[in-house]
Amino acid sequence: MNYITFTTSGSVELCKNLLISVRKLGMEKDFTVYCLDESSFAEISKFKCNSKLFDMSNIGEKFHEYGKGDFRQVTEAKIQIIINELKDKDSLLYTDCDVVFRHDPTEYLESSIEQIKDKEVDIMFASDSPFMPICTGFMYIKNTENVHKLFKKYFELSKEYGKLGSEHMYDQEIIYEILTHNQILMPDTKIRHIIFPTEFVVNGHLYWNEPRTGREAVVHVNFTIGERNKINKLKDAGLWFVEEKEIV
C-alpha cells in the first residue's frame, strides 16, 4: 500500500507524530511525505519515510488554518501532490498529517479494495459526519480516468472560488460539490465513490464527542482549530508520541 501525506513547517510536529505512530506499526517506510518548505523537509528527512520537497516559497511557515492566509494554495498543492504520485502508481492512500494510526489498517484496506475491484469505484473517503458525508483528509484513490477528470474540474472550480474570494470552498467542499452535482458539472463522467465506516477511520468530532468502539484504526484530529489545540487533544487522548524523541 502506498501511503501519501504532506506537511509544512507549521504542521511538522503533527506530521512527526503521525510518522512515529506508524513506526510503532512497522509502516514508516510505506509513507511518502511531501514537504512544502525547506524547514519541514529538514525535519522529515530524519525519518525513514520517503521524504520529498515540493517547494512553495510563497507559502508562509505558520500553521495553515482553514480558510485563512495561504490555505487555498496549500489545498491545491495537496491535490497536485496526489496527481504527481499517481503518475507511476495504480492507487494510493492519501492522509492528512493531523492523523494518528492506532492499528495497522493495511489488512482492512486490502480486504475493502478486493471487495470493490469489480464495482468501478474510483475513490473511498473517510466520513466527515455530521458536517459532510465525505472527508478528503483520508482517501483511497485509484488511478482512473475519472479521477483525473475529477481533479481537473476541482482545479477549475478552485480558481473560480479563489477569484470570488470564497473563504468556504476548498478541496473537500469543491469535490463534494462535484460529486453531488456530477451530472451538471461533469455530464460525461460518472464518479463512483464509497465511504469508509467510522469504526475504521474516525473524524475528530465523533472520536471526542460520541461513543466509540475502541477498534478504530485511524483517528483524524479535525474539527479542532489550530496546531496547539490539535496537539493538546492528542495528548489528552494518549495519542501524542513526539516527546518520546524516537527520531534516529
Protein backbone atom coordinates (compact mmCIF):
# COMPACT_ATOMS: atom_id res chain seq x y z
CA MET A 1 0.00 0.00 0.00
CA ASN A 2 1.30 3.46 -0.94
CA TYR A 3 0.62 5.99 1.84
CA ILE A 4 0.97 9.69 1.00
CA THR A 5 0.79 12.82 3.14
CA PHE A 6 2.23 16.33 3.14
CA THR A 7 3.28 18.92 5.67
CA THR A 8 4.64 22.42 6.16
CA SER A 9 6.82 23.78 8.94
CA GLY A 10 3.58 24.91 10.59
CA SER A 11 2.26 21.35 10.86
CA VAL A 12 5.52 19.40 11.05
CA GLU A 13 5.06 18.39 14.71
CA LEU A 14 1.73 16.78 13.83
CA CYS A 15 3.37 15.03 10.89
CA LYS A 16 6.18 13.74 13.11
CA ASN A 17 3.54 12.36 15.48
CA LEU A 18 1.86 10.56 12.57
CA LEU A 19 5.19 9.06 11.49
CA ILE A 20 6.03 7.87 15.00
CA SER A 21 2.58 6.26 15.25
CA VAL A 22 3.13 4.33 12.02
CA ARG A 23 6.71 3.47 13.01
CA LYS A 24 5.27 1.63 16.00
CA LEU A 25 3.29 -0.46 13.49
CA GLY A 26 6.27 -1.13 11.23
CA MET A 27 4.82 1.08 8.47
CA GLU A 28 7.15 4.07 8.41
CA LYS A 29 8.86 3.08 5.16
CA ASP A 30 5.45 2.73 3.47
CA PHE A 31 4.92 6.50 3.73
CA THR A 32 5.87 9.26 1.32
CA VAL A 33 5.81 12.74 2.86
CA TYR A 34 5.83 15.84 0.70
CA CYS A 35 7.22 18.94 2.41
CA LEU A 36 6.14 22.34 1.16
CA ASP A 37 9.17 24.17 2.58
CA GLU A 38 12.84 23.56 3.36
CA SER A 39 12.32 23.71 7.12
CA SER A 40 9.82 20.85 7.24
CA PHE A 41 11.89 18.88 4.73
CA ALA A 42 14.90 19.07 7.07
CA GLU A 43 12.79 17.65 9.92
CA ILE A 44 11.03 14.91 7.97
CA SER A 45 14.25 13.79 6.29
CA LYS A 46 15.33 12.44 9.69
CA PHE A 47 12.66 9.75 9.41
CA LYS A 48 12.79 6.52 7.41
CA CYS A 49 9.85 7.50 5.21
CA ASN A 50 10.36 8.71 1.65
CA SER A 51 10.57 12.50 2.01
CA LYS A 52 10.18 14.80 -0.98
CA LEU A 53 10.46 18.55 -1.29
CA PHE A 54 7.51 20.21 -3.02
CA ASP A 55 8.88 23.71 -2.65
CA MET A 56 6.35 26.53 -2.40
CA SER A 57 8.45 29.53 -1.47
CA ASN A 58 5.39 31.77 -1.35
CA ILE A 59 3.77 29.69 1.40
CA GLY A 60 4.03 31.08 4.92
CA GLU A 61 5.64 28.88 7.58
CA LYS A 62 2.82 29.19 10.12
CA PHE A 63 0.15 26.56 10.66
CA HIS A 64 -2.41 26.94 7.88
CA GLU A 65 -5.85 27.16 9.45
CA TYR A 66 -8.98 26.51 7.44
CA GLY A 67 -9.87 29.44 5.20
CA LYS A 68 -7.02 31.69 6.31
CA GLY A 69 -3.92 33.02 4.58
CA ASP A 70 -2.46 30.59 2.07
CA PHE A 71 -4.99 27.85 2.75
CA ARG A 72 -6.21 27.67 -0.86
CA GLN A 73 -2.68 27.31 -2.23
CA VAL A 74 -1.96 24.59 0.33
CA THR A 75 -5.07 22.60 -0.57
CA GLU A 76 -4.33 22.95 -4.28
CA ALA A 77 -0.80 21.67 -3.60
CA LYS A 78 -2.34 18.66 -1.84
CA ILE A 79 -4.28 17.64 -4.96
CA GLN A 80 -1.29 18.26 -7.21
CA ILE A 81 0.83 16.03 -4.97
CA ILE A 82 -1.73 13.24 -5.32
CA ILE A 83 -1.71 13.65 -9.11
CA ASN A 84 2.09 13.54 -9.12
CA GLU A 85 2.12 10.29 -7.15
CA LEU A 86 -0.50 8.68 -9.39
CA LYS A 87 1.81 9.03 -12.41
CA ASP A 88 3.50 5.74 -11.55
CA LYS A 89 1.01 4.10 -9.19
CA ASP A 90 -2.23 2.19 -9.72
CA SER A 91 -3.61 3.59 -6.48
CA LEU A 92 -2.62 5.26 -3.22
CA LEU A 93 -3.91 6.08 0.25
CA TYR A 94 -3.76 9.79 0.97
CA THR A 95 -3.99 11.01 4.57
CA ASP A 96 -3.70 14.45 6.13
CA CYS A 97 -0.84 14.70 8.61
CA ASP A 98 -3.07 15.50 11.63
CA VAL A 99 -3.89 11.81 11.85
CA VAL A 100 -2.79 9.01 14.15
CA PHE A 101 -2.70 5.32 13.23
CA ARG A 102 -3.71 3.23 16.26
CA HIS A 103 -3.64 -0.08 14.40
CA ASP A 104 -2.23 -1.21 11.06
CA PRO A 105 -5.06 -0.57 8.56
CA THR A 106 -3.47 -2.50 5.70
CA GLU A 107 -5.40 -5.77 6.07
CA TYR A 108 -8.72 -3.93 6.28
CA LEU A 109 -7.83 -1.72 3.32
CA GLU A 110 -6.75 -4.63 1.16
CA SER A 111 -9.94 -6.50 2.02
CA SER A 112 -12.05 -3.43 1.16
CA ILE A 113 -10.17 -2.91 -2.11
CA GLU A 114 -10.72 -6.54 -3.05
CA GLN A 115 -14.46 -6.14 -2.47
CA ILE A 116 -14.72 -3.13 -4.79
CA LYS A 117 -12.36 -4.23 -7.57
CA ASP A 118 -15.23 -5.19 -9.90
CA LYS A 119 -17.51 -2.28 -8.92
CA GLU A 120 -15.70 0.52 -10.79
CA VAL A 121 -15.27 2.56 -7.59
CA ASP A 122 -12.84 5.44 -8.10
CA ILE A 123 -12.39 6.80 -4.56
CA MET A 124 -13.08 5.70 -0.99
CA PHE A 125 -13.46 8.56 1.50
CA ALA A 126 -13.49 8.83 5.26
CA SER A 127 -16.66 10.32 6.71
CA ASP A 128 -16.79 13.90 7.97
CA SER A 129 -20.14 13.34 9.69
CA PRO A 130 -22.05 15.30 10.88
CA PHE A 131 -20.53 18.14 8.84
CA MET A 132 -20.31 16.45 5.46
CA PRO A 133 -20.58 12.86 4.14
CA ILE A 134 -17.01 12.83 2.75
CA CYS A 135 -13.64 13.81 4.16
CA THR A 136 -10.73 14.46 1.81
CA GLY A 137 -8.35 14.12 4.75
CA PHE A 138 -8.27 10.34 4.26
CA MET A 139 -8.87 8.83 0.81
CA TYR A 140 -8.06 5.67 -1.09
CA ILE A 141 -7.66 6.85 -4.69
CA LYS A 142 -7.44 4.72 -7.81
CA ASN A 143 -5.55 5.89 -10.88
CA THR A 144 -8.54 6.09 -13.19
CA GLU A 145 -9.53 8.44 -15.98
CA ASN A 146 -12.49 9.53 -13.87
CA VAL A 147 -10.21 10.54 -11.01
CA HIS A 148 -8.08 12.72 -13.28
CA LYS A 149 -11.20 14.35 -14.69
CA LEU A 150 -12.45 14.98 -11.16
CA PHE A 151 -9.21 16.69 -10.16
CA LYS A 152 -9.15 18.75 -13.36
CA LYS A 153 -12.64 20.03 -12.58
CA TYR A 154 -11.58 20.66 -8.99
CA PHE A 155 -8.75 22.96 -10.11
CA GLU A 156 -11.10 24.84 -12.43
CA LEU A 157 -13.59 25.46 -9.62
CA SER A 158 -10.91 26.27 -7.04
CA LYS A 159 -9.56 29.01 -9.29
CA GLU A 160 -13.07 30.40 -9.73
CA TYR A 161 -13.78 30.38 -5.99
CA GLY A 162 -10.39 31.96 -5.38
CA LYS A 163 -11.23 34.83 -7.72
CA LEU A 164 -14.54 35.29 -5.90
CA GLY A 165 -12.70 35.48 -2.58
CA SER A 166 -14.57 32.50 -1.13
CA GLU A 167 -13.50 31.52 2.38
CA HIS A 168 -15.61 28.35 2.47
CA MET A 169 -14.98 26.39 -0.74
CA TYR A 170 -11.76 24.40 -0.69
CA ASP A 171 -10.73 20.88 -1.72
CA GLN A 172 -13.27 18.98 0.38
CA GLU A 173 -16.21 21.26 -0.30
CA ILE A 174 -15.42 21.54 -4.01
CA ILE A 175 -15.01 17.80 -4.50
CA TYR A 176 -18.26 17.20 -2.63
CA GLU A 177 -19.97 19.78 -4.84
CA ILE A 178 -18.72 17.95 -7.94
CA LEU A 179 -19.89 14.58 -6.59
CA THR A 180 -23.36 15.86 -5.67
CA HIS A 181 -23.78 17.76 -8.95
CA ASN A 182 -21.99 15.23 -11.10
CA GLN A 183 -24.49 15.26 -13.97
CA ILE A 184 -24.36 19.05 -14.22
CA LEU A 185 -20.66 19.73 -13.65
CA MET A 186 -19.30 16.61 -15.38
CA PRO A 187 -22.11 15.22 -17.54
CA ASP A 188 -19.73 12.95 -19.48
CA THR A 189 -18.23 11.35 -16.36
CA LYS A 190 -19.70 9.32 -13.53
CA ILE A 191 -17.51 9.44 -10.43
CA ARG A 192 -18.12 6.42 -8.21
CA HIS A 193 -17.23 6.69 -4.55
CA ILE A 194 -17.98 4.98 -1.24
CA ILE A 195 -17.41 5.89 2.42
CA PHE A 196 -15.19 4.09 4.90
CA PRO A 197 -17.03 3.09 8.09
CA THR A 198 -16.32 5.29 11.11
CA GLU A 199 -15.41 2.12 13.01
CA PHE A 200 -12.29 2.07 10.79
CA VAL A 201 -11.34 5.74 10.34
CA VAL A 202 -12.97 8.27 12.64
CA ASN A 203 -13.02 12.05 12.50
CA GLY A 204 -12.31 14.35 15.43
CA HIS A 205 -15.92 15.18 16.24
CA LEU A 206 -17.01 11.56 16.51
CA TYR A 207 -13.89 10.40 18.35
CA TRP A 208 -14.02 13.06 21.05
CA ASN A 209 -17.77 13.70 21.31
CA GLU A 210 -19.59 10.46 20.52
CA PRO A 211 -19.40 6.88 21.87
CA ARG A 212 -16.68 4.92 20.11
CA THR A 213 -15.86 1.25 19.73
CA GLY A 214 -12.16 1.43 20.56
CA ARG A 215 -11.42 -0.55 17.41
CA GLU A 216 -10.76 2.49 15.21
CA ALA A 217 -7.51 2.07 13.29
CA VAL A 218 -7.18 5.71 12.24
CA VAL A 219 -8.06 8.88 14.19
CA HIS A 220 -8.21 12.25 12.43
CA VAL A 221 -7.96 15.23 14.77
CA ASN A 222 -10.02 17.53 12.56
CA PHE A 223 -12.92 19.62 13.93
CA THR A 224 -10.22 21.34 16.03
CA ILE A 225 -8.71 24.67 15.00
CA GLY A 226 -5.00 25.37 15.42
CA GLU A 227 -1.91 23.19 15.74
CA ARG A 228 -1.54 23.62 19.52
CA ASN A 229 -5.19 22.72 20.13
CA LYS A 230 -4.81 19.61 17.98
CA ILE A 231 -1.69 18.58 19.90
CA ASN A 232 -3.46 19.07 23.23
CA LYS A 233 -6.36 16.92 22.05
CA LEU A 234 -3.99 14.14 21.07
CA LYS A 235 -2.11 14.42 24.36
CA ASP A 236 -5.34 14.15 26.35
CA ALA A 237 -6.26 11.02 24.39
CA GLY A 238 -2.85 9.41 24.85
CA LEU A 239 -2.14 9.72 21.13
CA TRP A 240 0.84 12.09 21.27
CA PHE A 241 4.23 10.43 20.81
CA VAL A 242 6.68 13.16 19.78
CA GLU A 243 8.12 13.58 23.28
CA GLU A 244 9.49 10.07 23.02
CA LYS A 245 12.13 11.51 20.65
CA GLU A 246 12.37 8.35 18.59
CA ILE A 247 13.93 10.01 15.52
CA VAL A 248 17.00 8.05 14.51
